[in-house]
Amino acid sequence: MHRDRSLPWSAKIPFALAVLCLLAAVASLAELFSARWELLNGEAAALMLLISAVGFAGTGAFPLVISRLMQQDPPRVPPGNQTDAKND
């Protein structure tokens, strides 16, 4: 039986947003936003973006864990739907 090992979309999107926030936090610490957006420049903005990146990563981790648990769990057959080979 083939198991799908790819990430679900509900995990990919928050992980992508976490990477973008992390890159923005690094850019904010490097003062790359000073010319255009002064509010995104400095340590406070970088900390805010870093906390957002951690939050997005946590949001993406939840569906990932649920997906992995579902892949490990064997499919269950309801009691009324079981077929018995002895009755054939």
N, C-alpha and C. Protein backbone atom coordinates (compact mmCIF):
# COMPACT_ATOMS: atom_id res chain seq x y z
N MET A 1 0.84 -1.18 0.00
CA MET A 1 0.00 0.00 0.00
C MET A 1 0.89 1.24 0.00
N HIS A 2 0.65 2.15 -0.93
CA HIS A 2 1.46 3.36 -1.07
C HIS A 2 0.96 4.43 -0.11
N ARG A 3 1.88 4.96 0.66
CA ARG A 3 1.55 6.04 1.59
C ARG A 3 2.06 7.36 1.01
N ASP A 4 1.21 8.38 1.03
CA ASP A 4 1.59 9.68 0.53
C ASP A 4 2.39 10.41 1.61
N ARG A 5 3.65 10.72 1.31
CA ARG A 5 4.54 11.36 2.28
C ARG A 5 4.64 12.87 2.06
N SER A 6 3.87 13.43 1.15
CA SER A 6 3.95 14.87 0.91
C SER A 6 3.17 15.63 1.98
N LEU A 7 3.50 16.89 2.11
CA LEU A 7 2.82 17.74 3.09
C LEU A 7 1.42 18.09 2.61
N PRO A 8 0.44 18.12 3.50
CA PRO A 8 -0.88 18.59 3.08
C PRO A 8 -0.85 20.10 2.84
N TRP A 9 -1.75 20.59 1.99
CA TRP A 9 -1.78 22.02 1.69
C TRP A 9 -2.04 22.85 2.93
N SER A 10 -2.79 22.31 3.88
CA SER A 10 -3.08 23.05 5.10
C SER A 10 -1.83 23.21 5.97
N ALA A 11 -0.76 22.50 5.65
CA ALA A 11 0.51 22.69 6.34
C ALA A 11 1.49 23.49 5.48
N LYS A 12 1.41 23.34 4.17
CA LYS A 12 2.34 24.05 3.27
C LYS A 12 2.16 25.56 3.34
N ILE A 13 0.92 26.00 3.36
CA ILE A 13 0.66 27.44 3.33
C ILE A 13 1.18 28.13 4.60
N PRO A 14 0.87 27.65 5.81
CA PRO A 14 1.44 28.31 6.99
C PRO A 14 2.96 28.21 7.07
N PHE A 15 3.54 27.10 6.61
CA PHE A 15 5.00 27.00 6.60
C PHE A 15 5.62 28.02 5.65
N ALA A 16 4.98 28.23 4.49
CA ALA A 16 5.47 29.24 3.55
C ALA A 16 5.38 30.64 4.16
N LEU A 17 4.27 30.92 4.86
CA LEU A 17 4.14 32.21 5.52
C LEU A 17 5.16 32.38 6.65
N ALA A 18 5.49 31.28 7.32
CA ALA A 18 6.51 31.34 8.37
C ALA A 18 7.87 31.69 7.78
N VAL A 19 8.19 31.11 6.63
CA VAL A 19 9.47 31.42 5.98
C VAL A 19 9.49 32.89 5.55
N LEU A 20 8.37 33.38 5.01
CA LEU A 20 8.32 34.78 4.60
C LEU A 20 8.48 35.72 5.79
N CYS A 21 7.84 35.40 6.91
CA CYS A 21 7.98 36.22 8.11
C CYS A 21 9.40 36.17 8.65
N LEU A 22 10.02 35.00 8.58
CA LEU A 22 11.40 34.88 9.04
C LEU A 22 12.34 35.70 8.16
N LEU A 23 12.14 35.66 6.85
CA LEU A 23 12.95 36.48 5.96
C LEU A 23 12.73 37.97 6.21
N ALA A 24 11.49 38.34 6.47
CA ALA A 24 11.19 39.75 6.76
C ALA A 24 11.82 40.17 8.09
N ALA A 25 11.87 39.26 9.07
CA ALA A 25 12.51 39.58 10.35
C ALA A 25 14.01 39.81 10.16
N VAL A 26 14.64 38.99 9.35
CA VAL A 26 16.08 39.18 9.06
C VAL A 26 16.30 40.49 8.32
N ALA A 27 15.43 40.78 7.36
CA ALA A 27 15.54 42.04 6.62
C ALA A 27 15.31 43.24 7.54
N SER A 28 14.43 43.08 8.49
CA SER A 28 14.17 44.16 9.43
C SER A 28 15.36 44.41 10.35
N LEU A 29 16.01 43.35 10.78
CA LEU A 29 17.22 43.51 11.60
C LEU A 29 18.36 44.13 10.80
N ALA A 30 18.41 43.83 9.51
CA ALA A 30 19.45 44.39 8.65
C ALA A 30 19.10 45.80 8.19
N GLU A 31 17.97 46.32 8.63
CA GLU A 31 17.48 47.67 8.31
C GLU A 31 17.29 47.88 6.81
N LEU A 32 16.79 46.85 6.15
CA LEU A 32 16.51 46.96 4.71
C LEU A 32 15.21 47.70 4.42
N PHE A 33 14.37 47.85 5.44
CA PHE A 33 13.08 48.52 5.25
C PHE A 33 13.15 50.01 5.59
N SER A 34 14.33 50.52 5.93
CA SER A 34 14.43 51.90 6.43
C SER A 34 14.03 52.94 5.39
N ALA A 35 14.29 52.68 4.13
CA ALA A 35 13.98 53.66 3.09
C ALA A 35 12.48 53.76 2.82
N ARG A 36 11.77 52.67 2.94
CA ARG A 36 10.37 52.67 2.52
C ARG A 36 9.39 52.61 3.68
N TRP A 37 9.57 51.65 4.62
CA TRP A 37 8.65 51.46 5.73
C TRP A 37 9.41 51.58 7.04
N GLU A 38 9.28 52.70 7.66
CA GLU A 38 10.03 52.92 8.90
C GLU A 38 9.49 52.08 10.05
N LEU A 39 8.22 51.74 10.02
CA LEU A 39 7.65 50.92 11.09
C LEU A 39 8.22 49.50 11.10
N LEU A 40 8.64 49.00 9.95
CA LEU A 40 9.19 47.65 9.87
C LEU A 40 10.70 47.63 10.10
N ASN A 41 11.25 48.73 10.52
CA ASN A 41 12.69 48.83 10.71
C ASN A 41 13.01 48.79 12.21
N GLY A 42 13.91 47.91 12.61
CA GLY A 42 14.35 47.90 13.99
C GLY A 42 14.11 46.58 14.69
N GLU A 43 14.53 46.54 15.94
CA GLU A 43 14.47 45.30 16.72
C GLU A 43 13.04 44.92 17.11
N ALA A 44 12.20 45.89 17.42
CA ALA A 44 10.83 45.58 17.83
C ALA A 44 10.05 44.95 16.68
N ALA A 45 10.23 45.49 15.48
CA ALA A 45 9.54 44.93 14.31
C ALA A 45 10.08 43.54 13.99
N ALA A 46 11.38 43.36 14.13
CA ALA A 46 11.97 42.05 13.88
C ALA A 46 11.46 41.02 14.88
N LEU A 47 11.32 41.42 16.13
CA LEU A 47 10.78 40.51 17.14
C LEU A 47 9.33 40.15 16.84
N MET A 48 8.55 41.14 16.41
CA MET A 48 7.15 40.88 16.05
C MET A 48 7.06 39.91 14.87
N LEU A 49 7.92 40.10 13.89
CA LEU A 49 7.91 39.20 12.72
C LEU A 49 8.41 37.81 13.09
N LEU A 50 9.37 37.73 13.99
CA LEU A 50 9.87 36.43 14.44
C LEU A 50 8.80 35.66 15.21
N ILE A 51 8.06 36.36 16.06
CA ILE A 51 6.97 35.72 16.80
C ILE A 51 5.88 35.27 15.83
N SER A 52 5.61 36.05 14.81
CA SER A 52 4.62 35.65 13.79
C SER A 52 5.09 34.41 13.04
N ALA A 53 6.39 34.34 12.75
CA ALA A 53 6.93 33.16 12.05
C ALA A 53 6.77 31.91 12.90
N VAL A 54 7.03 32.03 14.19
CA VAL A 54 6.85 30.88 15.09
C VAL A 54 5.38 30.47 15.15
N GLY A 55 4.49 31.45 15.18
CA GLY A 55 3.06 31.15 15.20
C GLY A 55 2.59 30.45 13.93
N PHE A 56 3.07 30.93 12.79
CA PHE A 56 2.71 30.28 11.52
C PHE A 56 3.27 28.86 11.45
N ALA A 57 4.49 28.66 11.95
CA ALA A 57 5.07 27.32 11.93
C ALA A 57 4.27 26.37 12.83
N GLY A 58 3.83 26.87 13.97
CA GLY A 58 2.98 26.05 14.85
C GLY A 58 1.64 25.73 14.22
N THR A 59 1.09 26.69 13.50
CA THR A 59 -0.17 26.46 12.80
C THR A 59 -0.01 25.41 11.71
N GLY A 60 1.12 25.42 11.04
CA GLY A 60 1.37 24.42 10.00
C GLY A 60 1.69 23.05 10.55
N ALA A 61 2.23 23.02 11.76
CA ALA A 61 2.61 21.74 12.36
C ALA A 61 1.38 20.92 12.76
N PHE A 62 0.31 21.57 13.14
CA PHE A 62 -0.88 20.84 13.59
C PHE A 62 -1.46 19.94 12.51
N PRO A 63 -1.77 20.43 11.29
CA PRO A 63 -2.29 19.51 10.26
C PRO A 63 -1.26 18.48 9.81
N LEU A 64 0.03 18.82 9.92
CA LEU A 64 1.07 17.86 9.57
C LEU A 64 1.05 16.68 10.53
N VAL A 65 0.93 16.94 11.82
CA VAL A 65 0.88 15.86 12.82
C VAL A 65 -0.38 15.02 12.64
N ILE A 66 -1.50 15.67 12.40
CA ILE A 66 -2.75 14.94 12.17
C ILE A 66 -2.63 14.04 10.94
N SER A 67 -2.00 14.56 9.88
CA SER A 67 -1.81 13.76 8.66
C SER A 67 -0.93 12.55 8.93
N ARG A 68 0.15 12.73 9.67
CA ARG A 68 1.06 11.61 9.98
C ARG A 68 0.35 10.57 10.85
N LEU A 69 -0.45 11.02 11.79
CA LEU A 69 -1.17 10.06 12.64
C LEU A 69 -2.21 9.27 11.83
N MET A 70 -2.85 9.93 10.88
CA MET A 70 -3.83 9.23 10.05
C MET A 70 -3.15 8.21 9.16
N GLN A 71 -1.91 8.49 8.71
CA GLN A 71 -1.19 7.53 7.87
C GLN A 71 -0.76 6.31 8.67
N GLN A 72 -0.48 6.47 9.95
CA GLN A 72 -0.05 5.35 10.78
C GLN A 72 -1.21 4.49 11.24
N ASP A 73 -2.39 5.08 11.35
CA ASP A 73 -3.55 4.36 11.85
C ASP A 73 -4.12 3.46 10.76
N PRO A 74 -4.28 2.16 11.03
CA PRO A 74 -4.86 1.28 10.02
C PRO A 74 -6.34 1.59 9.82
N PRO A 75 -6.85 1.39 8.61
CA PRO A 75 -8.27 1.65 8.37
C PRO A 75 -9.13 0.68 9.19
N ARG A 76 -10.19 1.21 9.74
CA ARG A 76 -11.08 0.38 10.58
C ARG A 76 -12.36 0.08 9.83
N VAL A 77 -12.83 -1.13 10.01
CA VAL A 77 -14.07 -1.58 9.37
C VAL A 77 -15.16 -1.57 10.44
N PRO A 78 -16.29 -0.93 10.18
CA PRO A 78 -17.38 -0.95 11.15
C PRO A 78 -17.84 -2.39 11.40
N PRO A 79 -18.31 -2.70 12.62
CA PRO A 79 -18.67 -4.08 12.95
C PRO A 79 -19.72 -4.70 12.02
N GLY A 80 -20.66 -3.94 11.50
CA GLY A 80 -21.70 -4.49 10.64
C GLY A 80 -21.23 -4.80 9.23
N ASN A 81 -20.09 -4.28 8.81
CA ASN A 81 -19.61 -4.44 7.45
C ASN A 81 -18.54 -5.51 7.29
N GLN A 82 -18.24 -6.25 8.32
CA GLN A 82 -17.21 -7.27 8.23
C GLN A 82 -17.75 -8.47 7.46
N THR A 83 -16.95 -8.99 6.55
CA THR A 83 -17.37 -10.18 5.82
C THR A 83 -16.64 -11.37 6.42
N ASP A 84 -17.36 -12.45 6.53
CA ASP A 84 -16.79 -13.66 7.11
C ASP A 84 -16.61 -14.70 6.01
N ALA A 85 -15.39 -15.15 5.81
CA ALA A 85 -15.10 -16.11 4.75
C ALA A 85 -15.72 -17.49 5.02
N LYS A 86 -16.05 -17.78 6.25
CA LYS A 86 -16.60 -19.10 6.59
C LYS A 86 -18.04 -19.25 6.07
N ASN A 87 -18.76 -18.16 5.90
CA ASN A 87 -20.16 -18.24 5.48
C ASN A 87 -20.30 -18.39 3.98
N ASP A 88 -19.24 -18.28 3.18
CA ASP A 88 -19.34 -18.37 1.72
C ASP A 88 -19.59 -19.74 1.24
